[in-house]
Protein backbone atom coordinates (compact mmCIF):
# COMPACT_ATOMS: atom_id res chain seq x y z
CA UNK A 1 22.25 11.55 -5.01
CA UNK A 2 22.39 8.58 -2.67
CA UNK A 3 18.73 7.87 -3.59
CA UNK A 4 19.49 7.73 -7.25
CA UNK A 5 22.53 5.60 -6.72
CA UNK A 6 20.40 3.25 -4.68
CA UNK A 7 17.81 2.79 -7.41
CA UNK A 8 20.63 2.25 -9.95
CA UNK A 9 22.11 -0.53 -7.80
CA UNK A 10 18.72 -2.13 -7.57
CA UNK A 11 18.15 -1.97 -11.29
CA UNK A 12 21.51 -3.57 -11.94
CA UNK A 13 20.71 -6.32 -9.45
CA UNK A 14 17.54 -7.14 -11.32
CA UNK A 15 19.43 -8.02 -14.54
CA UNK A 16 20.95 -11.31 -13.50
CA UNK A 17 17.65 -12.21 -11.94
CA UNK A 18 15.72 -11.88 -15.23
CA UNK A 19 18.51 -13.49 -17.22
CA UNK A 20 18.36 -16.50 -14.79
CA UNK A 21 14.61 -16.50 -15.26
CA UNK A 22 14.99 -16.88 -19.00
CA UNK A 23 17.17 -19.97 -18.57
CA UNK A 24 14.71 -21.67 -16.14
CA UNK A 25 11.65 -20.64 -18.18
CA UNK A 26 12.96 -21.91 -21.47
CA UNK A 27 14.37 -25.23 -20.44
CA UNK A 28 11.61 -26.13 -17.96
CA UNK A 29 8.98 -25.65 -20.61
CA UNK A 30 10.66 -28.05 -22.85
CA UNK A 31 10.51 -30.63 -20.12
CA UNK A 32 6.57 -30.53 -20.24
CA UNK A 33 5.39 -33.80 -21.89
CA UNK A 34 3.74 -33.49 -25.34
CA UNK A 35 4.69 -32.21 -28.68
CA UNK A 36 3.21 -28.86 -29.77
CA UNK A 37 3.42 -30.01 -33.60
CA UNK A 38 1.32 -33.10 -32.72
CA UNK A 39 -1.11 -30.91 -30.78
CA UNK A 40 -1.50 -28.54 -33.67
CA UNK A 41 -1.85 -31.04 -36.32
CA UNK A 42 -4.39 -33.18 -34.35
CA UNK A 43 -5.71 -36.10 -36.47
CA UNK A 44 -3.61 -34.94 -39.41
CA UNK A 45 -0.28 -35.70 -37.62
CA UNK A 46 1.97 -38.01 -39.55
CA UNK A 47 5.74 -38.48 -39.02
CA UNK A 48 6.12 -36.34 -42.20
CA UNK A 49 3.89 -33.54 -41.33
CA UNK A 50 5.19 -33.54 -37.75
CA UNK A 51 8.83 -33.25 -39.05
CA UNK A 52 7.89 -30.45 -41.52
CA UNK A 53 6.13 -28.48 -38.75
CA UNK A 54 9.16 -28.97 -36.48
CA UNK A 55 11.26 -27.40 -39.22
CA UNK A 56 8.76 -24.59 -39.78
CA UNK A 57 8.66 -23.80 -35.98
CA UNK A 58 12.32 -24.26 -35.39
CA UNK A 59 11.76 -27.14 -33.03
CA UNK A 60 14.18 -29.38 -34.92
CA UNK A 61 17.17 -27.21 -33.73
CA UNK A 62 19.26 -28.17 -30.63
CA UNK A 63 17.84 -26.67 -27.33
CA UNK A 64 20.86 -24.34 -26.82
CA UNK A 65 20.32 -22.99 -30.35
CA UNK A 66 16.56 -22.48 -29.66
CA UNK A 67 17.57 -20.71 -26.39
CA UNK A 68 19.89 -18.32 -27.99
CA UNK A 69 17.23 -17.52 -30.59
CA UNK A 70 14.68 -17.01 -27.81
CA UNK A 71 17.04 -14.82 -25.80
CA UNK A 72 17.97 -12.77 -28.97
CA UNK A 73 14.29 -12.09 -29.79
CA UNK A 74 13.69 -11.15 -26.13
CA UNK A 75 16.38 -8.53 -26.20
CA UNK A 76 14.71 -7.01 -29.25
CA UNK A 77 11.29 -6.91 -27.46
CA UNK A 78 10.03 -9.87 -29.47
CA UNK A 79 8.43 -12.67 -27.54
CA UNK A 80 7.95 -14.76 -30.53
CA UNK A 81 4.90 -16.09 -32.38
CA UNK A 82 2.05 -18.16 -31.03
CA UNK A 83 1.91 -21.74 -32.32
CA UNK A 84 -1.83 -22.10 -31.54
CA UNK A 85 -3.16 -18.51 -32.20
CA UNK A 86 -0.91 -17.65 -35.02
CA UNK A 87 -0.42 -14.12 -33.65
CA UNK A 88 2.58 -12.40 -31.91
CA UNK A 89 2.85 -13.37 -28.21
CA UNK A 90 3.36 -9.69 -27.40
CA UNK A 91 -0.06 -8.52 -28.73
CA UNK A 92 -1.66 -11.61 -27.22
CA UNK A 93 -0.25 -10.90 -23.72
CA UNK A 94 -0.82 -7.16 -23.76
CA UNK A 95 -4.42 -7.64 -24.76
CA UNK A 96 -5.02 -9.47 -21.59
CA UNK A 97 -2.61 -7.75 -19.16
CA UNK A 98 -5.09 -5.15 -17.95
CA UNK A 99 -7.36 -7.55 -16.19
CA UNK A 100 -4.34 -9.10 -14.28
CA UNK A 101 -2.89 -5.69 -13.36
CA UNK A 102 -6.34 -4.55 -12.08
CA UNK A 103 -6.71 -7.88 -10.06
CA UNK A 104 -3.38 -7.31 -8.40
CA UNK A 105 -3.83 -3.53 -7.73
CA UNK A 106 -7.48 -3.71 -6.35
CA UNK A 107 -6.51 -6.85 -4.36
CA UNK A 108 -3.53 -5.05 -2.79
CA UNK A 109 -5.66 -1.97 -2.06
CA UNK A 110 -8.44 -4.05 -0.48
CA UNK A 111 -5.75 -5.74 1.75
CA UNK A 112 -4.46 -2.38 2.85
CA UNK A 113 -7.90 -1.00 3.53
CA UNK A 114 -8.86 -4.09 5.54
CA UNK A 115 -5.49 -4.59 7.45
CA UNK A 116 -4.54 -1.07 8.61
CA UNK A 117 -7.58 -0.18 10.81
CA UNK A 118 -7.78 -3.86 12.14
CA UNK A 119 -4.10 -3.76 12.95
CA UNK A 120 -4.34 -0.42 14.58
CA UNK A 121 -7.30 -1.35 16.65
CA UNK A 122 -5.67 -4.61 17.78
CA UNK A 123 -2.42 -2.89 18.74
CA UNK A 124 -4.13 -0.07 20.66
CA UNK A 125 -6.07 -2.75 22.68
CA UNK A 126 -3.33 -5.36 23.22
CA UNK A 127 -4.44 -8.69 24.60
CA UNK A 128 -8.02 -7.62 24.79
CA UNK A 129 -10.93 -9.62 23.26
CA UNK A 130 -10.93 -7.50 20.17
CA UNK A 131 -7.24 -8.17 19.75
CA UNK A 132 -7.59 -11.88 19.96
CA UNK A 133 -10.53 -11.90 17.52
CA UNK A 134 -8.76 -9.72 14.98
CA UNK A 135 -5.65 -11.92 15.09
CA UNK A 136 -7.55 -15.20 15.06
CA UNK A 137 -10.39 -14.74 12.52
CA UNK A 138 -8.33 -13.61 9.59
CA UNK A 139 -6.18 -16.63 9.88
CA UNK A 140 -9.25 -18.68 8.60
CA UNK A 141 -8.84 -16.88 5.27
CA UNK A 142 -5.10 -17.73 5.11
CA UNK A 143 -5.77 -21.43 5.56
CA UNK A 144 -8.36 -21.63 2.88
CA UNK A 145 -7.42 -22.49 -0.76
CA UNK A 146 -7.90 -19.48 -2.98
CA UNK A 147 -10.12 -21.47 -5.44
CA UNK A 148 -12.39 -22.62 -2.53
CA UNK A 149 -12.64 -19.08 -1.04
CA UNK A 150 -13.57 -17.58 -4.53
CA UNK A 151 -16.21 -20.22 -5.02
CA UNK A 152 -17.75 -19.40 -1.50
CA UNK A 153 -17.70 -15.54 -2.33
CA UNK A 154 -19.57 -16.55 -5.67
CA UNK A 155 -22.13 -18.55 -3.77
CA UNK A 156 -22.87 -15.92 -1.31
CA UNK A 157 -22.44 -12.58 -3.06
CA UNK A 158 -23.24 -13.53 -6.63
CA UNK A 159 -25.72 -16.28 -6.49
CA UNK A 160 -27.59 -15.68 -3.24
CA UNK A 161 -27.41 -11.90 -2.92
CA UNK A 162 -27.05 -11.08 -6.59
CA UNK A 163 -24.62 -8.14 -5.86
CA UNK A 164 -21.92 -9.18 -8.36
CA UNK A 165 -21.72 -11.23 -11.46
CA UNK A 166 -20.76 -14.91 -11.22
CA UNK A 167 -17.82 -14.61 -13.58
CA UNK A 168 -16.47 -12.65 -16.33
CA UNK A 169 -14.94 -9.14 -16.65
CA UNK A 170 -17.61 -7.30 -18.91
CA UNK A 171 -16.89 -4.76 -21.58
CA UNK A 172 -17.51 -1.37 -19.96
CA UNK A 173 -15.72 0.25 -17.07
CA UNK A 174 -18.55 -0.17 -14.71
CA UNK A 175 -18.70 -3.81 -15.57
CA UNK A 176 -14.88 -4.10 -15.01
CA UNK A 177 -15.33 -2.49 -11.64
CA UNK A 178 -18.22 -4.75 -10.70
CA UNK A 179 -16.47 -7.93 -12.08
CA UNK A 180 -13.13 -7.39 -10.36
CA UNK A 181 -14.41 -6.88 -6.69
CA UNK A 182 -14.97 -10.46 -5.78
CA UNK A 183 -11.69 -11.79 -7.43
CA UNK A 184 -9.72 -8.85 -5.78
CA UNK A 185 -11.40 -9.68 -2.34
CA UNK A 186 -10.31 -13.33 -2.71
CA UNK A 187 -6.71 -12.10 -3.32
CA UNK A 188 -7.03 -9.72 -0.40
CA UNK A 189 -8.33 -12.20 2.13
CA UNK A 190 -5.23 -14.33 1.56
CA UNK A 191 -2.87 -11.37 2.19
CA UNK A 192 -4.75 -9.73 5.04
CA UNK A 193 -3.82 -11.94 7.97
CA UNK A 194 0.06 -11.50 7.20
CA UNK A 195 -0.37 -7.73 7.07
CA UNK A 196 -2.39 -7.54 10.23
CA UNK A 197 0.05 -9.56 12.28
CA UNK A 198 3.12 -7.54 10.89
CA UNK A 199 1.63 -4.22 11.33
CA UNK A 200 0.17 -5.00 14.68
CA UNK A 201 3.57 -6.17 15.98
CA UNK A 202 5.26 -3.12 14.64
CA UNK A 203 2.74 -0.76 16.15
CA UNK A 204 3.06 -2.38 19.52
CA UNK A 205 6.81 -1.78 19.49
CA UNK A 206 6.29 1.78 18.29
CA UNK A 207 3.58 2.49 20.92
CA UNK A 208 6.19 1.57 23.70
CA UNK A 209 8.60 4.10 22.47
CA UNK A 210 9.58 7.18 24.42
CA UNK A 211 8.29 9.68 21.79
CA UNK A 212 4.94 8.14 21.95
CA UNK A 213 4.98 8.56 25.75
CA UNK A 214 6.00 12.23 25.33
CA UNK A 215 3.24 12.88 22.73
CA UNK A 216 0.66 11.49 25.19
CA UNK A 217 2.16 13.52 28.06
CA UNK A 218 1.51 16.62 25.86
CA UNK A 219 -2.07 15.82 25.78
CA UNK A 220 -2.16 14.74 22.09
CA UNK A 221 -5.35 12.52 21.51
CA UNK A 222 -5.15 8.76 21.23
CA UNK A 223 -6.34 8.77 17.63
CA UNK A 224 -3.79 11.46 16.59
CA UNK A 225 -1.02 9.50 18.33
CA UNK A 226 -1.86 6.21 16.57
CA UNK A 227 -2.34 7.65 13.07
CA UNK A 228 0.08 10.53 13.05
CA UNK A 229 2.94 8.94 14.96
CA UNK A 230 2.69 5.16 15.51
CA UNK A 231 1.15 4.09 12.23
CA UNK A 232 3.57 6.09 10.14
CA UNK A 233 6.67 4.61 11.81
CA UNK A 234 5.24 1.10 12.07
CA UNK A 235 4.43 1.14 8.32
CA UNK A 236 8.18 1.12 7.44
CA UNK A 237 8.53 -2.70 8.03
CA UNK A 238 5.10 -3.55 6.88
CA UNK A 239 5.87 -2.03 3.45
CA UNK A 240 8.46 -4.81 2.88
CA UNK A 241 6.01 -7.54 3.91
CA UNK A 242 3.38 -6.03 1.63
CA UNK A 243 5.76 -5.96 -1.23
CA UNK A 244 6.93 -9.45 -0.81
CA UNK A 245 3.38 -10.83 -0.59
CA UNK A 246 2.19 -8.82 -3.51
CA UNK A 247 5.08 -10.33 -5.59
CA UNK A 248 3.92 -13.76 -4.37
CA UNK A 249 0.35 -13.03 -5.37
CA UNK A 250 1.41 -12.03 -8.90
CA UNK A 251 1.89 -15.84 -9.63
CA UNK A 252 -0.97 -17.02 -7.43
CA UNK A 253 -3.52 -14.99 -9.67
CA UNK A 254 -3.65 -17.89 -12.11
CA UNK A 255 -6.10 -19.87 -9.88
CA UNK A 256 -8.22 -16.76 -9.08
CA UNK A 257 -8.38 -15.75 -12.73
CA UNK A 258 -9.68 -19.30 -13.60
CA UNK A 259 -12.30 -19.43 -10.89
CA UNK A 260 -13.81 -16.03 -11.93
CA UNK A 261 -13.18 -16.58 -15.74
CA UNK A 262 -11.13 -13.30 -15.92
CA UNK A 263 -9.51 -12.77 -19.33
CA UNK A 264 -6.06 -12.21 -17.78
CA UNK A 265 -2.59 -13.54 -18.66
CA UNK A 266 -3.02 -16.12 -15.94
CA UNK A 267 -5.90 -17.72 -17.79
CA UNK A 268 -4.05 -17.34 -21.02
CA UNK A 269 -1.04 -19.12 -19.62
CA UNK A 270 -3.15 -22.12 -18.45
CA UNK A 271 -4.70 -22.44 -21.91
CA UNK A 272 -1.28 -22.19 -23.44
CA UNK A 273 0.02 -25.08 -21.38
CA UNK A 274 -2.89 -27.22 -22.44
CA UNK A 275 -2.37 -26.26 -26.07
CA UNK A 276 1.52 -26.90 -25.79
CA UNK A 277 1.90 -23.40 -26.95
CA UNK A 278 5.65 -22.86 -25.73
CA UNK A 279 6.05 -19.19 -26.89
CA UNK A 280 2.95 -17.99 -25.08
CA UNK A 281 3.89 -19.87 -21.95
CA UNK A 282 7.49 -18.45 -21.99
CA UNK A 283 6.12 -14.86 -22.86
CA UNK A 284 3.54 -14.88 -20.06
CA UNK A 285 6.13 -16.20 -17.58
CA UNK A 286 8.53 -13.53 -18.49
CA UNK A 287 5.77 -10.97 -18.03
CA UNK A 288 5.22 -12.40 -14.48
CA UNK A 289 8.93 -12.34 -13.80
CA UNK A 290 9.15 -8.68 -14.85
CA UNK A 291 6.19 -7.82 -12.71
CA UNK A 292 7.70 -9.49 -9.64
CA UNK A 293 10.99 -7.76 -10.13
CA UNK A 294 9.07 -4.50 -10.60
CA UNK A 295 7.10 -4.99 -7.36
CA UNK A 296 10.34 -5.80 -5.47
CA UNK A 297 12.02 -2.74 -6.94
CA UNK A 298 9.07 -0.50 -5.90
CA UNK A 299 9.12 -2.09 -2.45
CA UNK A 300 12.75 -1.19 -2.02
CA UNK A 301 12.27 2.35 -3.32
CA UNK A 302 9.29 2.91 -0.99
CA UNK A 303 11.32 1.48 1.95
CA UNK A 304 14.32 3.71 1.17
CA UNK A 305 11.90 6.71 0.98
CA UNK A 306 10.45 5.88 4.41
CA UNK A 307 13.84 4.96 5.96
CA UNK A 308 16.89 6.81 4.71
CA UNK A 309 19.22 4.49 6.54
CA UNK A 310 18.45 1.78 3.90
CA UNK A 311 19.84 3.76 0.91
CA UNK A 312 22.79 4.83 2.93
CA UNK A 313 23.86 1.47 4.12
């Protein structure tokens, strides 16, 4: 019962966050220079045609009225109509959402696959050469901009070795898998150093616990102690670190999608900004906000599952 109540409290806490996001998204977008009506009309823009298009799009209304209309549509599940593409924003975003979701999921999976064995290796050999190398080398990836790291991966693995496509996402499942590996690896390399340091520190603390000493005294092998005892308990704090950084990576995928020409909602948002397509920018931003809230909620639920003291506090 406490578990259900905990999830309910977390869901209620997400409501004001999403409401505040709608306010920030709507009013910040209208501070961007440029008139969407002028952008759409192009060379045919005259004061009369611009005024007529403003009235047609509802841009002649006060901002507070436009916001209430936006919020009312949002509560009905309607993200509006794209100025530039002349289709519903919901269908436009849903058509590109899968590429972004796969990028985040595969990137997070790669980061875990890379970080867990390296962190366990470093913690079990504290202050050794291997420990120092494992802590130092991944930091290079953390200090490199995502776009530069992506370009380097393209040069090595796509152009020189020919193992992966230079850009694009393909049309079949096999092409999707092949096209998502380099972008996901770019995302993972930015997250791996943080996970390694967090998990290593937690494992060192756990390995010094009395129950680990008892397990070793009973003759349990080192590998079983690390995997079955230390890693499981050390993962509790690292789950929160992973969730927070995945939520951060949700927004940072815009750059990665652009570098690898992935047809995700990040690329869609950049195009919409250049086209002054306010409804699309607002819709994509709200999708990103919901994804961040969902990741944080799943992180809290996972943390509460691993540590019952969280949901009882």
